[in-house]
Each structure stands twice: as structure tokens, then as C-alpha cells.
């Protein structure tokens, strides 16, 4: 290759990088995320180009437009069934509860509603048992949306139960993420097809057989709705690893919610929105949104977030609750890679005298995420934050409890991927009794965790370099 040809290729490459840089800057992302993309393009030219082509902002905008059409279609179809977007008069009229509810309502998260019942499911086996009971009792429809469903004993057992209900004439719709559930094949799904169940794949891509772990625009949600009356959400996947029965002492620690009453409408709406995006089908029947008598149960607000918009509802939920805490913050997450804003919120809360406890796994299932998380520990500890490393089994719980008054349970991790890149759902509980129960469960988990103490010796260069490199990549995790 002649020198002039090499120079021409180099000039073309620099021009392309410059154009992409302008596009990234105009996106107005966080400076760290923008710099991470630019560094990937400059220092990994061929690989960086492939990643940008497949998963970069241009592709994201096309997906946003498609998802926006799905949401608008569903809004028009259900407009007369949804309640007025005004906080009910009996909701607390002062304090953090009302401020948080107002914030979430103003970014299109609906308003708090009273549930006729909320049950905490503190183990995977309790979760599966409760879901199976609700499926067994369903007479009209069963809607399920999962990031991870594996064809193991739990996954097969639940599939067979859905097959039986579909054969009995119950509408069954199962929506799976194409990356998280990539172990599911056509042979496993055939009984569902034969029984008349409807199946959808969320955002499939042609490279899914490579089992790429980190691909944008995933549904990380866990939703079950039965007859529009009973709903489930949380962080328990359909997987043997969540079951004490099948995994014993290695079972993951997790939490889920069983919800009855008006808040189930919101879970139903989110499922149908995702179903339409994935299948371009919008089933609609009055039974999807049954009317409920006025309840006197706990207040609950369902929050959804995703890369289809810039509201960043989950990030605002975490930030506002942490920044407004007066006495205590309990945070449990399997992936702790906070943004600068959330890091500052935790540190300032500790410095102003709030008890801040963070529970993380001793070693998560992602070595890169674990390394990035450890790079934050010392700064937090210096400010007065208590870090607790759970193990040896995996902590998969996503939980925030503030002042034993407000709690949030759901699918969102405390990292950039959940705040910006995945579709997530969280249930905010404005109920002191439930918050106290969750705080008690958090305290129980602390007995299986070791308190992190800042090392007296400086870490090796290899360790510091590894953690710092992982932290540099945190906007992309």
C-alpha cells in the first residue's frame, strides 16, 4: 500500500471520528459517557466502529421512535380507563412522601394508589410458589415479561403450568428479552406454541448467539399480571439459582413483591407497552383493567424507566430519596457503579449525619462490575458510609429503604446500565410497616456479610490499575 493511500485512509478515518464526535457531543450525554465512547472509537478503531454501528446513539434513536409509537398507541387505547393524574386527597400532604410522589408524577410515572394487598416474597421459592398459585387461579389472561428465563427445572415447571392454562382457554402472553433469555430455544417453546400461547422477543438482534452480555435496549423487567388483578414485580428471575430447593446454600438472595388492586393497572400498562413494541400487536380487552373498590391498603407507586426517553425516572427516584433522607438509608444492589450525582448524594447524606449502609455482593457474577464497585468504597467509607459485602452466595436484591418510611423494590441496579440503558421497573412503597419489614430483612442479610474496612496498606499497582480501568468503563457497564 502506497504512502499516499495510507494517508488517504488515515484522513478518512479522522474525518469519520470527528463527525461521530460532533454527533455524540450534540447528544448531550454525560461527559464521562461521551468521553468513553470517543476513547473507544479512537483507541479501538475497528471494534469501536462495530460497537457504535450496532449499539450506538443512531440505532438507539430508531428504537426510541418505535417505542414511542407503541406508548402513544396504548395511551390512546386506555385513556378512558386510567385514573386522573392528581395525587389522591388521602395521601400524606407533607414530607418526603409527597415530594417524591409529586416528582414521579410530574415525570409521567402516574400517582400513588392504594393496593388492596402487598406481600413481601423474601426467597426465590416463596416467589415461585406465589406466582404459580396466581397462575393456577387465573381465568382470563396471564401476562409475563422477563429478562432472564432459563430452561432448567424452575423454568420448565413454570412453562408447563402456562401450557396447561393455555390449553384451558386462558390467554397466555410471554415476553422474553432476546439477550437475557438466549438459552431458550424453539424446542423449549414448542409446547407453548402448540397450546396457543403467544410469545414475543424483546429487541432481538442477529448476533444473539454470541451471548453478548452487554447490549443496549434490553428489558430488564420482571413482570407477571394475572387477570389484571394480581401482579408481581421485583428482581427474581425464572432460574434455578434463585431456589433454595434446587441450589441449596448457593441460592441467590433476592426479593419480590405480590401486589393486588389498583397498582396492578400500571404493571399491566407497562407490559402491554413492551408487548406492542416487540410484536406490533396491541391486544385490548376490558378484563385487562378491571375496576377495584376503594382500598385501604398501603400506598404504592410503580415507576418505569428506559432509554426510550430522557426522564431518567429511576435515577431521579434514587437521587431524591437519598438526598432527602433524615435518619437512615439502606441500599442493597448486586451491581454498585454509581453516577457522580448518586455518589455525591450518598456522601453528603453520610456527612450530614444520616446512617448510610450499602449492601453489595462479596463477588458478583461480573468481575468487571465488582472491580468498578470496589474503586468507590474507600471514598465512601471516609465520608462515613458503611459498606457490607454479602457472601459467599450471590446478592441479587435491589432495595432502597429510607427512614423506615419509604422503600423501593424492583429490577433496577445502582449502575449506569439500569439508570440509562435498560428498561426497568420499581415499586415505591409509601408504608412504614412494609418499610420496617424490609429494613428488618436487610439487617438479617447483614449477618451474612462482612463489614468492609479501608485497607491500611496501599493496594498493589495491578489491583489499583484494574479497579481504575473498570471505573473508567463504568459509564458503559
Protein backbone atom coordinates (compact mmCIF):
# COMPACT_ATOMS: atom_id res chain seq x y z
CA UNK A 1 0.00 0.00 0.00
CA UNK A 2 1.46 3.34 -1.04
CA UNK A 3 2.11 6.13 1.42
CA UNK A 4 -0.48 8.31 -0.29
CA UNK A 5 -3.15 5.63 0.09
CA UNK A 6 -2.30 5.18 3.77
CA UNK A 7 -2.53 8.92 4.25
CA UNK A 8 -5.91 8.95 2.48
CA UNK A 9 -7.29 6.19 4.70
CA UNK A 10 -5.97 7.93 7.82
CA UNK A 11 -7.57 11.21 6.79
CA UNK A 12 -10.89 9.49 6.08
CA UNK A 13 -10.76 7.78 9.48
CA UNK A 14 -10.04 11.03 11.31
CA UNK A 15 -12.90 12.72 9.46
CA UNK A 16 -15.27 9.92 10.41
CA UNK A 17 -14.22 10.09 14.09
CA UNK A 18 -14.68 13.88 14.02
CA UNK A 19 -18.21 13.54 12.63
CA UNK A 20 -19.13 10.92 15.20
CA UNK A 21 -17.62 13.10 17.94
CA UNK A 22 -19.84 16.00 16.89
CA UNK A 23 -22.88 13.72 16.92
CA UNK A 24 -22.01 12.39 20.39
CA UNK A 25 -21.48 15.90 21.75
CA UNK A 26 -24.83 17.04 20.35
CA UNK A 27 -26.48 14.10 22.15
CA UNK A 28 -25.71 15.96 25.43
CA UNK A 29 -24.91 12.78 27.31
CA UNK A 30 -22.87 12.85 30.50
CA UNK A 31 -19.26 13.97 29.86
CA UNK A 32 -17.90 10.65 31.12
CA UNK A 33 -20.13 8.59 28.80
CA UNK A 34 -19.25 10.80 25.83
CA UNK A 35 -15.54 10.52 26.56
CA UNK A 36 -15.83 6.74 26.97
CA UNK A 37 -17.39 6.44 23.51
CA UNK A 38 -14.74 8.71 21.97
CA UNK A 39 -11.91 6.76 23.58
CA UNK A 40 -13.38 3.50 22.33
CA UNK A 41 -13.58 4.88 18.79
CA UNK A 42 -10.05 6.31 18.81
CA UNK A 43 -8.13 3.52 20.54
CA UNK A 44 -10.20 0.56 19.30
CA UNK A 45 -10.90 1.73 15.75
CA UNK A 46 -12.33 -1.43 14.20
CA UNK A 47 -14.03 -2.90 17.27
CA UNK A 48 -15.20 0.53 18.37
CA UNK A 49 -16.73 1.13 14.96
CA UNK A 50 -18.61 -2.19 15.09
CA UNK A 51 -19.96 -1.45 18.59
CA UNK A 52 -21.05 2.03 17.58
CA UNK A 53 -22.69 0.77 14.39
CA UNK A 54 -24.72 -1.87 16.23
CA UNK A 55 -25.50 -0.24 19.55
CA UNK A 56 -24.65 3.45 19.36
CA UNK A 57 -26.94 6.50 19.59
CA UNK A 58 -28.11 6.28 15.96
CA UNK A 59 -29.60 2.83 16.50
CA UNK A 60 -30.99 3.95 19.84
CA UNK A 61 -32.88 6.84 18.23
CA UNK A 62 -34.60 4.46 15.80
CA UNK A 63 -35.62 2.22 18.69
CA UNK A 64 -36.87 5.25 20.62
CA UNK A 65 -39.15 6.26 17.76
CA UNK A 66 -40.60 2.77 17.52
CA UNK A 67 -41.13 2.52 21.27
CA UNK A 68 -42.70 5.99 21.32
CA UNK A 69 -45.28 4.85 18.78
CA UNK A 70 -46.08 1.84 20.96
CA UNK A 71 -46.62 4.03 24.01
CA UNK A 72 -48.81 6.54 22.17
CA UNK A 73 -51.00 3.79 20.71
CA UNK A 74 -51.54 2.28 24.15
CA UNK A 75 -52.21 5.66 25.77
CA UNK A 76 -54.96 6.34 23.25
CA UNK A 77 -56.49 2.90 23.81
CA UNK A 78 -56.60 3.15 27.60
CA UNK A 79 -57.19 6.86 28.13
CA UNK A 80 -60.71 6.42 29.49
CA UNK A 81 -59.63 3.70 31.92
CA UNK A 82 -56.71 5.44 33.59
CA UNK A 83 -57.32 7.50 36.75
CA UNK A 84 -56.84 11.23 36.97
CA UNK A 85 -53.16 12.15 37.35
CA UNK A 86 -53.77 14.03 40.59
CA UNK A 87 -52.42 12.78 43.90
CA UNK A 88 -55.36 11.38 45.90
CA UNK A 89 -56.54 13.55 48.80
CA UNK A 90 -55.80 10.95 51.48
CA UNK A 91 -52.13 10.66 50.54
CA UNK A 92 -49.74 12.34 53.05
CA UNK A 93 -49.81 16.09 52.39
CA UNK A 94 -46.30 16.87 53.65
CA UNK A 95 -42.82 15.43 53.97
CA UNK A 96 -40.68 13.28 51.72
CA UNK A 97 -43.60 11.06 50.70
CA UNK A 98 -45.48 13.85 48.97
CA UNK A 99 -42.37 15.43 47.46
CA UNK A 100 -41.27 12.12 45.96
CA UNK A 101 -44.77 11.33 44.71
CA UNK A 102 -45.03 14.78 43.10
CA UNK A 103 -41.66 14.40 41.43
CA UNK A 104 -42.52 11.00 39.97
CA UNK A 105 -45.97 12.13 38.91
CA UNK A 106 -44.54 15.11 37.05
CA UNK A 107 -42.28 12.86 35.00
CA UNK A 108 -45.21 10.71 33.85
CA UNK A 109 -44.99 7.94 36.45
CA UNK A 110 -48.62 8.12 37.50
CA UNK A 111 -49.67 8.78 41.05
CA UNK A 112 -49.59 6.68 44.24
CA UNK A 113 -52.51 4.29 44.55
CA UNK A 114 -53.69 2.17 47.43
CA UNK A 115 -53.15 -1.54 46.95
CA UNK A 116 -55.61 -3.97 48.44
CA UNK A 117 -52.62 -6.09 49.40
CA UNK A 118 -48.83 -6.22 49.16
CA UNK A 119 -46.87 -9.34 50.13
CA UNK A 120 -43.10 -9.42 50.51
CA UNK A 121 -41.55 -12.53 48.97
CA UNK A 122 -38.12 -12.85 50.55
CA UNK A 123 -36.92 -16.04 48.84
CA UNK A 124 -36.99 -17.35 45.32
CA UNK A 125 -39.02 -20.41 46.35
CA UNK A 126 -41.65 -18.21 48.02
CA UNK A 127 -41.79 -16.10 44.86
CA UNK A 128 -42.22 -19.06 42.52
CA UNK A 129 -44.85 -20.63 44.77
CA UNK A 130 -46.87 -17.42 44.87
CA UNK A 131 -46.62 -16.84 41.10
CA UNK A 132 -47.67 -20.41 40.39
CA UNK A 133 -50.68 -20.06 42.70
CA UNK A 134 -51.77 -16.89 40.88
CA UNK A 135 -51.33 -18.58 37.51
CA UNK A 136 -53.36 -21.55 38.67
CA UNK A 137 -56.20 -19.23 39.76
CA UNK A 138 -56.21 -17.15 36.54
CA UNK A 139 -59.31 -17.46 34.35
CA UNK A 140 -58.88 -14.81 31.63
CA UNK A 141 -55.24 -13.90 30.94
CA UNK A 142 -51.67 -14.33 32.16
CA UNK A 143 -49.02 -11.83 31.06
CA UNK A 144 -45.32 -12.39 31.80
CA UNK A 145 -42.24 -10.34 30.94
CA UNK A 146 -38.76 -11.46 31.95
CA UNK A 147 -35.18 -10.55 31.24
CA UNK A 148 -33.83 -13.98 32.19
CA UNK A 149 -35.71 -17.24 31.84
CA UNK A 150 -33.67 -20.43 31.69
CA UNK A 151 -34.83 -23.90 30.56
CA UNK A 152 -33.92 -25.51 33.88
CA UNK A 153 -36.21 -27.15 36.44
CA UNK A 154 -37.89 -23.92 37.57
CA UNK A 155 -38.21 -22.62 34.02
CA UNK A 156 -39.61 -25.91 32.71
CA UNK A 157 -42.06 -26.26 35.60
CA UNK A 158 -43.45 -22.78 35.05
CA UNK A 159 -43.61 -23.31 31.27
CA UNK A 160 -45.64 -26.49 31.75
CA UNK A 161 -48.08 -24.67 34.00
CA UNK A 162 -48.54 -21.98 31.34
CA UNK A 163 -49.12 -24.70 28.74
CA UNK A 164 -51.89 -26.19 30.86
CA UNK A 165 -53.59 -22.79 31.30
CA UNK A 166 -53.35 -22.02 27.58
CA UNK A 167 -54.96 -25.37 26.76
CA UNK A 168 -57.75 -24.49 29.21
CA UNK A 169 -58.54 -21.35 27.19
CA UNK A 170 -56.70 -18.72 29.25
CA UNK A 171 -54.85 -16.09 27.22
CA UNK A 172 -51.10 -16.51 27.81
CA UNK A 173 -48.56 -13.95 26.59
CA UNK A 174 -44.88 -14.42 27.36
CA UNK A 175 -42.36 -11.70 26.51
CA UNK A 176 -38.67 -12.55 26.88
CA UNK A 177 -35.56 -10.50 26.37
CA UNK A 178 -33.57 -11.81 23.42
CA UNK A 179 -30.22 -11.48 25.22
CA UNK A 180 -31.08 -12.36 28.81
CA UNK A 181 -33.09 -15.44 27.78
CA UNK A 182 -30.83 -16.58 24.96
CA UNK A 183 -30.69 -20.12 26.32
CA UNK A 184 -34.37 -20.56 25.43
CA UNK A 185 -34.76 -22.33 22.08
CA UNK A 186 -37.63 -23.26 19.80
CA UNK A 187 -37.78 -26.80 21.18
CA UNK A 188 -38.40 -25.48 24.69
CA UNK A 189 -41.10 -23.09 23.43
CA UNK A 190 -42.88 -25.53 21.12
CA UNK A 191 -45.34 -26.81 23.78
CA UNK A 192 -46.41 -23.20 24.40
CA UNK A 193 -46.92 -22.64 20.65
CA UNK A 194 -48.90 -25.86 20.37
CA UNK A 195 -51.13 -24.86 23.30
CA UNK A 196 -51.97 -21.49 21.72
CA UNK A 197 -49.87 -19.23 23.93
CA UNK A 198 -48.45 -16.08 22.34
CA UNK A 199 -44.69 -15.44 22.52
CA UNK A 200 -42.63 -12.34 21.90
CA UNK A 201 -38.92 -11.50 21.89
CA UNK A 202 -37.84 -8.07 23.05
CA UNK A 203 -35.33 -6.40 20.74
CA UNK A 204 -33.83 -9.46 19.05
CA UNK A 205 -30.52 -8.97 17.22
CA UNK A 206 -28.79 -11.19 14.74
CA UNK A 207 -25.73 -11.64 16.96
CA UNK A 208 -27.62 -13.08 19.93
CA UNK A 209 -25.99 -16.49 19.56
CA UNK A 210 -22.71 -14.88 20.63
CA UNK A 211 -24.36 -14.31 24.01
CA UNK A 212 -23.11 -10.76 24.29
CA UNK A 213 -23.69 -9.76 27.88
CA UNK A 214 -23.90 -6.01 27.47
CA UNK A 215 -26.12 -4.87 24.65
CA UNK A 216 -28.27 -1.77 24.84
CA UNK A 217 -32.05 -1.53 24.87
CA UNK A 218 -32.81 -4.62 26.95
CA UNK A 219 -35.90 -5.19 29.02
CA UNK A 220 -34.55 -5.98 32.47
CA UNK A 221 -38.06 -6.03 33.92
CA UNK A 222 -39.71 -8.87 35.78
CA UNK A 223 -43.50 -8.58 35.50
CA UNK A 224 -46.38 -11.02 35.93
CA UNK A 225 -50.03 -9.95 35.70
CA UNK A 226 -52.90 -12.39 36.20
CA UNK A 227 -56.44 -11.33 35.23
CA UNK A 228 -55.43 -7.69 35.74
CA UNK A 229 -55.95 -8.17 39.47
CA UNK A 230 -52.74 -9.69 40.81
CA UNK A 231 -49.28 -8.54 39.80
CA UNK A 232 -45.69 -9.42 40.61
CA UNK A 233 -42.51 -7.44 40.23
CA UNK A 234 -39.06 -7.37 41.78
CA UNK A 235 -35.72 -8.87 40.86
CA UNK A 236 -36.26 -12.65 40.91
CA UNK A 237 -35.65 -14.25 37.51
CA UNK A 238 -37.01 -17.60 36.36
CA UNK A 239 -33.94 -19.60 37.20
CA UNK A 240 -32.86 -22.45 39.49
CA UNK A 241 -30.20 -20.19 41.02
CA UNK A 242 -32.94 -18.33 42.92
CA UNK A 243 -34.26 -21.52 44.53
CA UNK A 244 -33.05 -22.90 47.86
CA UNK A 245 -34.65 -26.20 46.89
CA UNK A 246 -32.53 -26.61 43.77
CA UNK A 247 -29.40 -24.59 44.62
CA UNK A 248 -29.14 -25.02 48.39
CA UNK A 249 -26.66 -22.71 50.11
CA UNK A 250 -25.63 -21.27 46.73
CA UNK A 251 -29.10 -19.84 46.05
CA UNK A 252 -29.11 -16.13 45.30
CA UNK A 253 -30.52 -13.75 47.89
CA UNK A 254 -33.39 -11.79 46.36
CA UNK A 255 -36.76 -10.14 46.93
CA UNK A 256 -40.03 -9.84 45.04
CA UNK A 257 -43.49 -8.33 45.57
CA UNK A 258 -47.01 -9.69 45.12
CA UNK A 259 -49.38 -6.77 44.53
CA UNK A 260 -53.18 -6.75 44.46
CA UNK A 261 -55.51 -3.95 43.44
CA UNK A 262 -55.23 -0.66 41.57
CA UNK A 263 -51.40 -0.53 41.17
CA UNK A 264 -51.61 -3.68 39.02
CA UNK A 265 -53.07 -1.47 36.26
CA UNK A 266 -49.72 0.26 35.98
CA UNK A 267 -47.85 -3.06 35.66
CA UNK A 268 -50.35 -4.13 33.03
CA UNK A 269 -49.85 -0.91 31.08
CA UNK A 270 -46.06 -1.35 31.11
CA UNK A 271 -46.35 -4.95 29.92
CA UNK A 272 -48.71 -4.06 27.07
CA UNK A 273 -46.42 -1.21 26.04
CA UNK A 274 -43.48 -3.60 25.80
CA UNK A 275 -45.59 -6.26 24.10
CA UNK A 276 -46.66 -3.84 21.38
CA UNK A 277 -43.09 -2.67 20.87
CA UNK A 278 -41.89 -6.27 20.48
CA UNK A 279 -44.75 -7.75 18.44
CA UNK A 280 -46.61 -4.75 16.94
CA UNK A 281 -49.77 -6.33 18.34
CA UNK A 282 -51.97 -4.45 20.80
CA UNK A 283 -54.47 -6.79 22.41
CA UNK A 284 -57.03 -4.96 24.47
CA UNK A 285 -59.99 -6.20 26.50
CA UNK A 286 -61.83 -4.62 29.44
CA UNK A 287 -60.69 -7.53 31.61
CA UNK A 288 -57.12 -6.24 31.33
CA UNK A 289 -58.08 -3.27 33.52
CA UNK A 290 -60.79 -4.39 35.97
CA UNK A 291 -62.39 -1.91 38.32
CA UNK A 292 -61.48 -2.16 42.01
CA UNK A 293 -63.38 -1.00 45.05
CA UNK A 294 -61.69 1.70 47.11
CA UNK A 295 -58.91 0.07 49.12
CA UNK A 296 -57.38 0.97 52.47
CA UNK A 297 -54.08 -0.83 51.96
CA UNK A 298 -50.56 0.57 51.53
CA UNK A 299 -49.79 3.36 49.07
CA UNK A 300 -47.74 2.21 46.10
CA UNK A 301 -46.35 3.97 43.02
CA UNK A 302 -44.97 1.96 40.09
CA UNK A 303 -42.01 3.62 38.35
CA UNK A 304 -40.75 2.63 34.92
CA UNK A 305 -37.67 3.88 33.13
CA UNK A 306 -35.80 3.15 29.94
CA UNK A 307 -33.67 4.51 27.13
CA UNK A 308 -36.77 5.42 25.10
CA UNK A 309 -36.93 8.81 26.87
CA UNK A 310 -34.79 11.24 28.85
CA UNK A 311 -36.87 11.35 32.03
CA UNK A 312 -34.46 9.03 33.90
CA UNK A 313 -37.18 8.22 36.42
CA UNK A 314 -35.22 5.55 38.29
CA UNK A 315 -32.18 7.81 38.70
CA UNK A 316 -34.40 10.65 39.96
CA UNK A 317 -36.11 8.27 42.37
CA UNK A 318 -32.83 7.12 43.89
CA UNK A 319 -31.31 10.59 44.00
CA UNK A 320 -34.31 12.31 45.59
CA UNK A 321 -34.87 9.63 48.21
CA UNK A 322 -31.19 9.55 49.22
CA UNK A 323 -30.74 13.33 49.20
CA UNK A 324 -33.89 13.82 51.31
CA UNK A 325 -33.23 11.15 53.95
CA UNK A 326 -33.11 12.38 57.54
CA UNK A 327 -32.11 9.35 59.61
CA UNK A 328 -31.23 6.23 57.67
CA UNK A 329 -30.52 4.92 54.16
CA UNK A 330 -30.36 1.20 53.45
CA UNK A 331 -29.25 0.30 49.93
CA UNK A 332 -28.83 -3.23 48.55
CA UNK A 333 -27.65 -3.82 45.00
CA UNK A 334 -25.70 -6.54 43.17
CA UNK A 335 -24.03 -4.00 40.87
CA UNK A 336 -22.78 -0.83 42.54
CA UNK A 337 -21.45 1.54 39.89
CA UNK A 338 -22.96 4.92 40.87
CA UNK A 339 -23.08 8.03 38.75
CA UNK A 340 -21.34 11.14 40.04
CA UNK A 341 -24.69 12.54 41.19
CA UNK A 342 -25.64 9.42 43.16
CA UNK A 343 -22.14 9.11 44.60
CA UNK A 344 -22.39 12.71 45.82
CA UNK A 345 -25.85 12.09 47.27
CA UNK A 346 -24.58 9.14 49.34
CA UNK A 347 -21.52 11.02 50.57
CA UNK A 348 -23.37 14.19 51.52
CA UNK A 349 -26.06 12.18 53.30
CA UNK A 350 -23.40 10.48 55.43
CA UNK A 351 -21.61 13.77 56.12
CA UNK A 352 -24.81 15.39 57.42
CA UNK A 353 -25.31 12.59 59.93
CA UNK A 354 -27.58 10.14 58.12
CA UNK A 355 -26.80 6.47 58.75
CA UNK A 356 -25.92 5.09 55.32
CA UNK A 357 -25.47 1.35 54.82
CA UNK A 358 -24.72 -0.21 51.45
CA UNK A 359 -25.02 -3.97 50.96
CA UNK A 360 -23.22 -5.44 47.93
CA UNK A 361 -22.08 -8.96 46.97
CA UNK A 362 -18.60 -10.01 48.03
CA UNK A 363 -18.15 -11.12 44.43
CA UNK A 364 -20.87 -10.54 41.84
CA UNK A 365 -21.28 -12.58 38.67
CA UNK A 366 -19.49 -9.80 36.75
CA UNK A 367 -15.81 -9.39 37.63
CA UNK A 368 -15.66 -6.07 35.78
CA UNK A 369 -18.61 -4.64 37.73
CA UNK A 370 -17.13 -5.89 41.02
CA UNK A 371 -13.79 -4.24 40.26
CA UNK A 372 -15.51 -0.98 39.35
CA UNK A 373 -17.57 -1.10 42.56
CA UNK A 374 -14.51 -1.52 44.79
CA UNK A 375 -12.99 1.63 43.33
CA UNK A 376 -15.70 3.65 45.11
CA UNK A 377 -15.52 2.03 48.56
CA UNK A 378 -12.69 3.95 50.20
CA UNK A 379 -14.11 7.38 49.35
CA UNK A 380 -17.49 6.35 50.74
CA UNK A 381 -16.00 4.88 53.91
CA UNK A 382 -14.02 8.06 54.54
CA UNK A 383 -17.31 10.01 54.45
CA UNK A 384 -18.93 7.66 56.97
CA UNK A 385 -20.79 5.23 54.70
CA UNK A 386 -20.83 1.60 55.90
CA UNK A 387 -20.12 -0.93 53.16
CA UNK A 388 -21.10 -4.57 53.74
CA UNK A 389 -20.07 -7.38 51.40
CA UNK A 390 -22.59 -10.23 51.28
CA UNK A 391 -21.46 -13.76 50.62
CA UNK A 392 -20.43 -16.31 49.72
CA UNK A 393 -23.74 -16.70 47.85
CA UNK A 394 -24.78 -14.02 45.37
CA UNK A 395 -26.77 -10.97 46.48
CA UNK A 396 -29.25 -10.07 43.73
CA UNK A 397 -31.61 -7.84 45.75
CA UNK A 398 -32.37 -4.33 44.51
CA UNK A 399 -33.68 -2.42 47.52
CA UNK A 400 -33.73 1.08 48.97
CA UNK A 401 -35.23 1.90 52.38
CA UNK A 402 -35.29 5.49 53.63
CA UNK A 403 -36.03 6.40 57.27
CA UNK A 404 -38.13 3.18 57.55
CA UNK A 405 -40.94 5.16 55.88
CA UNK A 406 -40.37 4.69 52.16
CA UNK A 407 -38.98 1.69 50.30
CA UNK A 408 -38.31 0.85 46.66
CA UNK A 409 -38.14 -2.71 45.33
CA UNK A 410 -37.68 -3.73 41.73
CA UNK A 411 -35.34 -4.60 38.89
CA UNK A 412 -33.02 -1.57 38.77
CA UNK A 413 -29.41 -1.93 39.86
CA UNK A 414 -27.42 1.01 41.22
CA UNK A 415 -25.46 1.45 37.98
CA UNK A 416 -25.46 3.30 34.70
CA UNK A 417 -26.95 0.41 32.76
CA UNK A 418 -30.11 0.39 34.88
CA UNK A 419 -30.34 4.17 35.09
CA UNK A 420 -29.87 4.87 31.37
CA UNK A 421 -29.64 1.81 29.11
CA UNK A 422 -32.14 -0.84 30.29
CA UNK A 423 -35.89 -0.89 30.70
CA UNK A 424 -36.56 -1.18 34.43
CA UNK A 425 -39.49 -1.16 36.83
CA UNK A 426 -39.55 -0.25 40.53
CA UNK A 427 -42.35 -0.33 43.07
CA UNK A 428 -42.19 2.56 45.57
CA UNK A 429 -43.89 1.70 48.87
CA UNK A 430 -45.11 4.60 50.99
CA UNK A 431 -45.81 2.46 54.03
CA UNK A 432 -43.97 2.40 57.34
CA UNK A 433 -44.89 -1.22 58.17
CA UNK A 434 -43.60 -2.59 54.86
CA UNK A 435 -40.50 -0.37 55.02
CA UNK A 436 -39.80 -1.67 58.54
CA UNK A 437 -40.14 -5.27 57.37
CA UNK A 438 -37.72 -4.63 54.53
CA UNK A 439 -35.30 -2.93 56.92
CA UNK A 440 -35.52 -5.98 59.17
CA UNK A 441 -34.70 -8.26 56.22
CA UNK A 442 -31.77 -6.01 55.36
CA UNK A 443 -30.48 -6.38 58.94
CA UNK A 444 -30.78 -10.16 58.64
CA UNK A 445 -28.71 -10.12 55.45
CA UNK A 446 -26.02 -8.15 57.27
CA UNK A 447 -25.38 -11.23 59.41
CA UNK A 448 -24.13 -12.97 56.25
CA UNK A 449 -21.96 -10.04 55.21
CA UNK A 450 -18.58 -8.74 56.29
CA UNK A 451 -18.04 -5.10 57.09
CA UNK A 452 -15.66 -3.51 54.62
CA UNK A 453 -12.72 -1.74 56.28
CA UNK A 454 -10.41 0.52 54.34
CA UNK A 455 -7.08 -1.33 53.99
CA UNK A 456 -4.17 0.03 56.00
CA UNK A 457 -1.81 -0.98 53.23
CA UNK A 458 -1.99 0.52 49.81
CA UNK A 459 -3.29 -1.89 47.17
CA UNK A 460 -0.89 -3.30 44.60
CA UNK A 461 -0.40 -1.42 41.35
CA UNK A 462 -2.09 -4.24 39.46
CA UNK A 463 -5.19 -4.07 41.67
CA UNK A 464 -5.41 -0.28 41.56
CA UNK A 465 -4.94 -0.24 37.81
CA UNK A 466 -7.61 -2.92 37.33
CA UNK A 467 -10.17 -1.15 39.52
CA UNK A 468 -9.44 2.25 37.99
CA UNK A 469 -9.76 0.86 34.47
CA UNK A 470 -13.07 -0.78 35.36
CA UNK A 471 -14.26 2.51 36.86
CA UNK A 472 -13.26 4.35 33.66
CA UNK A 473 -15.50 1.98 31.74
CA UNK A 474 -18.36 2.33 34.26
CA UNK A 475 -20.49 4.59 32.00
CA UNK A 476 -20.65 1.70 29.57
CA UNK A 477 -21.33 -1.06 32.14
